[in-house]
Amino acid sequence: MRPFACDMVLIENGKILLIRRAREPFKGEWATPGGRIEDNETAEECARREMKEETGLDIEIIRLIGLYSDPNRDPRGIIAAAFLVKRLGGQVKAGDDAGEARWFDLSALPPLCTDHGKIVEDALKKL
């Protein structure tokens, strides 16, 4: 069975919050915050927990962006649900497997790992 994860897109004032991955795969590359679901956890609970662990922020889920299930999207075969979220509180600080958390202008995004560019593109269509 393939693993499942949640990715979050947080956009404020024309900027998006991204993390630099601290672990393989994609170590050193920029990505949307996210991670794998744990046993007995809903996707929404996973999204809130992973965002807090990786960025220090508390969030509210606004809507589902999409489901990303291409078997080649990640060498681990992960299926991801991506959510558009808004900040409820907290200060941005990298944690867990995020080596860095930083805001980027939407007009000047760095290259993103795997299909995270598509996730951001799909999120912008839903705004």
Protein backbone atom coordinates (compact mmCIF):
# COMPACT_ATOMS: atom_id res chain seq x y z
CA MET A 1 0.00 0.00 0.00
CA ARG A 2 1.27 3.47 -0.88
CA PRO A 3 1.83 6.05 1.90
CA PHE A 4 -0.32 9.18 2.22
CA ALA A 5 0.74 12.73 3.10
CA CYS A 6 -0.65 16.25 3.29
CA ASP A 7 0.92 19.39 1.80
CA MET A 8 -0.15 22.91 2.67
CA VAL A 9 -0.12 26.14 0.73
CA LEU A 10 -0.12 29.34 2.81
CA ILE A 11 -0.29 32.61 0.87
CA GLU A 12 -0.32 36.02 2.56
CA ASN A 13 0.08 39.45 0.99
CA GLY A 14 1.36 38.08 -2.33
CA LYS A 15 3.88 35.77 -0.66
CA ILE A 16 3.98 32.02 -0.11
CA LEU A 17 5.60 30.19 2.79
CA LEU A 18 8.00 27.45 1.67
CA ILE A 19 10.37 25.13 3.49
CA ARG A 20 13.80 23.89 2.49
CA ARG A 21 13.90 20.14 3.00
CA ALA A 22 16.50 18.97 5.53
CA ARG A 23 16.21 15.27 4.67
CA GLU A 24 16.24 13.01 1.65
CA PRO A 25 14.60 12.71 -0.71
CA PHE A 26 14.87 16.21 -2.13
CA LYS A 27 17.24 17.38 0.63
CA GLY A 28 18.10 21.08 0.19
CA GLU A 29 15.20 21.71 -2.21
CA TRP A 30 12.27 24.04 -1.62
CA ALA A 31 8.81 22.60 -1.03
CA THR A 32 5.41 23.35 0.39
CA PRO A 33 5.22 22.32 4.06
CA GLY A 34 3.85 18.84 4.61
CA GLY A 35 4.35 15.31 5.72
CA ARG A 36 2.96 11.84 6.19
CA ILE A 37 -0.26 11.00 7.96
CA GLU A 38 0.03 9.05 11.19
CA ASP A 39 -2.15 6.15 12.31
CA ASN A 40 -5.54 7.22 13.69
CA GLU A 41 -5.14 10.76 12.28
CA THR A 42 -7.39 12.49 9.76
CA ALA A 43 -5.92 14.31 6.79
CA GLU A 44 -6.98 17.61 8.37
CA GLU A 45 -5.27 16.73 11.66
CA CYS A 46 -2.15 15.74 9.71
CA ALA A 47 -2.15 19.09 7.89
CA ARG A 48 -2.41 21.08 11.12
CA ARG A 49 0.25 18.98 12.90
CA GLU A 50 2.74 19.04 10.02
CA MET A 51 2.37 22.80 9.53
CA LYS A 52 3.02 23.39 13.23
CA GLU A 53 6.01 21.02 13.27
CA GLU A 54 7.65 22.42 10.13
CA THR A 55 6.84 26.13 10.35
CA GLY A 56 5.70 26.89 13.91
CA LEU A 57 2.33 28.14 12.64
CA ASP A 58 -1.20 27.24 13.63
CA ILE A 59 -3.49 27.06 10.62
CA GLU A 60 -7.05 26.70 9.48
CA ILE A 61 -7.81 24.68 6.37
CA ILE A 62 -9.65 26.72 3.75
CA ARG A 63 -10.14 24.09 1.06
CA LEU A 64 -8.71 21.08 -0.67
CA ILE A 65 -6.51 22.03 -3.62
CA GLY A 66 -6.25 18.53 -5.04
CA LEU A 67 -5.02 15.00 -4.77
CA TYR A 68 -1.60 14.18 -6.27
CA SER A 69 -1.12 10.49 -6.94
CA ASP A 70 1.26 10.05 -9.88
CA PRO A 71 3.37 7.04 -8.84
CA ASN A 72 6.47 8.89 -10.08
CA ARG A 73 5.88 12.10 -8.09
CA ASP A 74 8.05 10.87 -5.21
CA PRO A 75 10.51 7.97 -4.97
CA ARG A 76 8.63 6.75 -1.88
CA GLY A 77 5.37 6.50 -3.87
CA ILE A 78 3.58 8.98 -1.62
CA ILE A 79 0.06 10.14 -2.49
CA ALA A 80 -0.57 13.69 -1.28
CA ALA A 81 -3.63 15.77 -0.51
CA ALA A 82 -2.84 19.47 -0.79
CA PHE A 83 -4.74 22.07 1.21
CA LEU A 84 -5.03 25.85 0.92
CA VAL A 85 -4.67 27.18 4.47
CA LYS A 86 -4.67 30.43 6.42
CA ARG A 87 -2.58 31.37 9.44
CA LEU A 88 -4.27 31.53 12.82
CA GLY A 89 -1.17 32.30 14.88
CA GLY A 90 2.43 31.58 15.66
CA GLN A 91 5.78 32.82 14.42
CA VAL A 92 7.55 31.31 11.43
CA LYS A 93 10.40 29.06 12.52
CA ALA A 94 11.73 25.97 10.79
CA GLY A 95 11.43 22.69 12.62
CA ASP A 96 11.18 18.92 12.23
CA ASP A 97 12.45 18.00 8.74
CA ALA A 98 12.39 21.61 7.50
CA GLY A 99 15.87 23.10 7.51
CA GLU A 100 14.52 26.56 6.73
CA ALA A 101 11.12 28.23 6.40
CA ARG A 102 10.88 31.43 4.35
CA TRP A 103 8.40 33.66 2.57
CA PHE A 104 8.77 34.11 -1.21
CA ASP A 105 7.07 36.56 -3.55
CA LEU A 106 4.69 34.65 -5.80
CA SER A 107 6.39 36.33 -8.76
CA ALA A 108 9.85 35.03 -7.76
CA LEU A 109 9.49 31.42 -6.64
CA PRO A 110 12.55 29.20 -6.42
CA PRO A 111 12.48 25.83 -8.20
CA LEU A 112 10.30 23.48 -6.17
CA CYS A 113 10.83 19.76 -5.62
CA THR A 114 8.72 17.03 -7.20
CA ASP A 115 5.27 18.34 -8.24
CA HIS A 116 5.06 21.16 -5.69
CA GLY A 117 5.15 23.73 -8.50
CA LYS A 118 1.94 22.15 -9.83
CA ILE A 119 0.42 22.21 -6.34
CA VAL A 120 1.16 25.95 -6.03
CA GLU A 121 -0.18 26.59 -9.55
CA ASP A 122 -3.40 24.71 -8.70
CA ALA A 123 -3.71 26.64 -5.41
CA LEU A 124 -3.44 29.99 -7.19
CA LYS A 125 -6.29 28.96 -9.51
CA LYS A 126 -8.48 28.34 -6.44
CA LEU A 127 -7.83 31.74 -4.82
